[in-house]
Amino acid sequence: MASAERVSIGFSGGGVVEVRIDDAKLRELRKALDKADGWFDIEAEEGAVAIDLRQVVFVRSATTPQRIGFGG
């Protein structure tokens, strides 16, 4: 999977799923959320994930690398 980025998908009730998907799949997910009807299948690096679009409350993508520790 080329240029995959980490994406967090939050659900009503507080659950969060993190997946690594490419930009094309992220755009497809965002387009599907416009209708927010039914289920959406994601083929992620971690495996297949099916989400109920009616339960999604946020999508956060990490486009910058994560750093640990203190930096200036």
C-alpha atoms as a PDB file:
ATOM      1  CA  MET A   1       0.000   0.000   0.000  1.00  0.00           C
ATOM      2  CA  ALA A   2       1.698   3.171  -1.206  1.00  0.00           C
ATOM      3  CA  SER A   3       1.821   6.294   0.991  1.00  0.00           C
ATOM      4  CA  ALA A   4      -0.472   4.952   3.697  1.00  0.00           C
ATOM      5  CA  GLU A   5      -1.310   7.258   6.562  1.00  0.00           C
ATOM      6  CA  ARG A   6      -2.736   6.586   9.987  1.00  0.00           C
ATOM      7  CA  VAL A   7      -6.424   7.455  10.259  1.00  0.00           C
ATOM      8  CA  SER A   8      -8.532   7.426  13.427  1.00  0.00           C
ATOM      9  CA  ILE A   9     -12.264   6.872  13.010  1.00  0.00           C
ATOM     10  CA  GLY A  10     -14.416   7.802  16.014  1.00  0.00           C
ATOM     11  CA  PHE A  11     -17.877   6.430  16.702  1.00  0.00           C
ATOM     12  CA  SER A  12     -20.829   7.583  18.762  1.00  0.00           C
ATOM     13  CA  GLY A  13     -20.433   5.972  22.147  1.00  0.00           C
ATOM     14  CA  GLY A  14     -16.709   6.754  22.249  1.00  0.00           C
ATOM     15  CA  GLY A  15     -15.074   3.892  20.338  1.00  0.00           C
ATOM     16  CA  VAL A  16     -12.156   4.662  18.019  1.00  0.00           C
ATOM     17  CA  VAL A  17     -10.594   2.503  15.298  1.00  0.00           C
ATOM     18  CA  GLU A  18      -7.154   3.314  13.898  1.00  0.00           C
ATOM     19  CA  VAL A  19      -6.188   2.089  10.440  1.00  0.00           C
ATOM     20  CA  ARG A  20      -3.461   2.790   7.901  1.00  0.00           C
ATOM     21  CA  ILE A  21      -4.960   3.588   4.492  1.00  0.00           C
ATOM     22  CA  ASP A  22      -3.804   5.402   1.371  1.00  0.00           C
ATOM     23  CA  ASP A  23      -5.039   8.815   0.241  1.00  0.00           C
ATOM     24  CA  ALA A  24      -7.438   7.374  -2.343  1.00  0.00           C
ATOM     25  CA  LYS A  25      -9.219   5.216   0.236  1.00  0.00           C
ATOM     26  CA  LEU A  26      -9.408   8.160   2.660  1.00  0.00           C
ATOM     27  CA  ARG A  27     -11.067  10.293  -0.045  1.00  0.00           C
ATOM     28  CA  GLU A  28     -13.482   7.426  -0.756  1.00  0.00           C
ATOM     29  CA  LEU A  29     -14.341   7.200   2.954  1.00  0.00           C
ATOM     30  CA  ARG A  30     -14.976  10.943   3.203  1.00  0.00           C
ATOM     31  CA  LYS A  31     -17.234  10.829   0.134  1.00  0.00           C
ATOM     32  CA  ALA A  32     -19.199   7.905   1.626  1.00  0.00           C
ATOM     33  CA  LEU A  33     -19.625   9.872   4.867  1.00  0.00           C
ATOM     34  CA  ASP A  34     -21.482  12.600   2.955  1.00  0.00           C
ATOM     35  CA  LYS A  35     -24.348  10.124   2.554  1.00  0.00           C
ATOM     36  CA  ALA A  36     -23.665   8.321   5.868  1.00  0.00           C
ATOM     37  CA  ASP A  37     -25.872   5.406   4.930  1.00  0.00           C
ATOM     38  CA  GLY A  38     -25.039   1.775   5.583  1.00  0.00           C
ATOM     39  CA  TRP A  39     -21.714   0.039   5.858  1.00  0.00           C
ATOM     40  CA  PHE A  40     -18.324   0.859   4.332  1.00  0.00           C
ATOM     41  CA  ASP A  41     -15.506  -1.662   3.866  1.00  0.00           C
ATOM     42  CA  ILE A  42     -11.901  -0.572   4.321  1.00  0.00           C
ATOM     43  CA  GLU A  43      -8.974  -2.680   3.181  1.00  0.00           C
ATOM     44  CA  ALA A  44      -6.290  -1.413   5.539  1.00  0.00           C
ATOM     45  CA  GLU A  45      -2.723  -2.571   6.164  1.00  0.00           C
ATOM     46  CA  GLU A  46      -4.009  -4.260   9.326  1.00  0.00           C
ATOM     47  CA  GLY A  47      -6.735  -6.164   7.456  1.00  0.00           C
ATOM     48  CA  ALA A  48     -10.348  -5.648   6.434  1.00  0.00           C
ATOM     49  CA  VAL A  49     -12.522  -3.328   8.527  1.00  0.00           C
ATOM     50  CA  ALA A  50     -16.258  -2.731   8.063  1.00  0.00           C
ATOM     51  CA  ILE A  51     -17.720   0.407   9.629  1.00  0.00           C
ATOM     52  CA  ASP A  52     -21.288   1.618  10.066  1.00  0.00           C
ATOM     53  CA  LEU A  53     -21.216   5.082   8.500  1.00  0.00           C
ATOM     54  CA  ARG A  54     -24.251   6.176  10.549  1.00  0.00           C
ATOM     55  CA  GLN A  55     -22.193   5.812  13.748  1.00  0.00           C
ATOM     56  CA  VAL A  56     -19.082   7.782  12.655  1.00  0.00           C
ATOM     57  CA  VAL A  57     -18.647  11.101  14.473  1.00  0.00           C
ATOM     58  CA  PHE A  58     -15.104  12.015  13.364  1.00  0.00           C
ATOM     59  CA  VAL A  59     -12.228  11.078  11.072  1.00  0.00           C
ATOM     60  CA  ARG A  60      -8.738  12.256  11.983  1.00  0.00           C
ATOM     61  CA  SER A  61      -5.748  11.696   9.727  1.00  0.00           C
ATOM     62  CA  ALA A  62      -2.157  11.969  10.880  1.00  0.00           C
ATOM     63  CA  THR A  63      -0.316  13.556   7.984  1.00  0.00           C
ATOM     64  CA  THR A  64       2.694  14.496  10.086  1.00  0.00           C
ATOM     65  CA  PRO A  65       4.983  11.938  11.714  1.00  0.00           C
ATOM     66  CA  GLN A  66       4.433  11.279  15.410  1.00  0.00           C
ATOM     67  CA  ARG A  67       7.273  12.277  17.737  1.00  0.00           C
ATOM     68  CA  ILE A  68       7.954  11.042  21.209  1.00  0.00           C
ATOM     69  CA  GLY A  69       9.540  13.218  23.862  1.00  0.00           C
ATOM     70  CA  PHE A  70      10.178  16.909  24.174  1.00  0.00           C
ATOM     71  CA  GLY A  71      11.210  19.010  21.205  1.00  0.00           C
ATOM     72  CA  GLY A  72      11.868  22.589  20.482  1.00  0.00           C
END
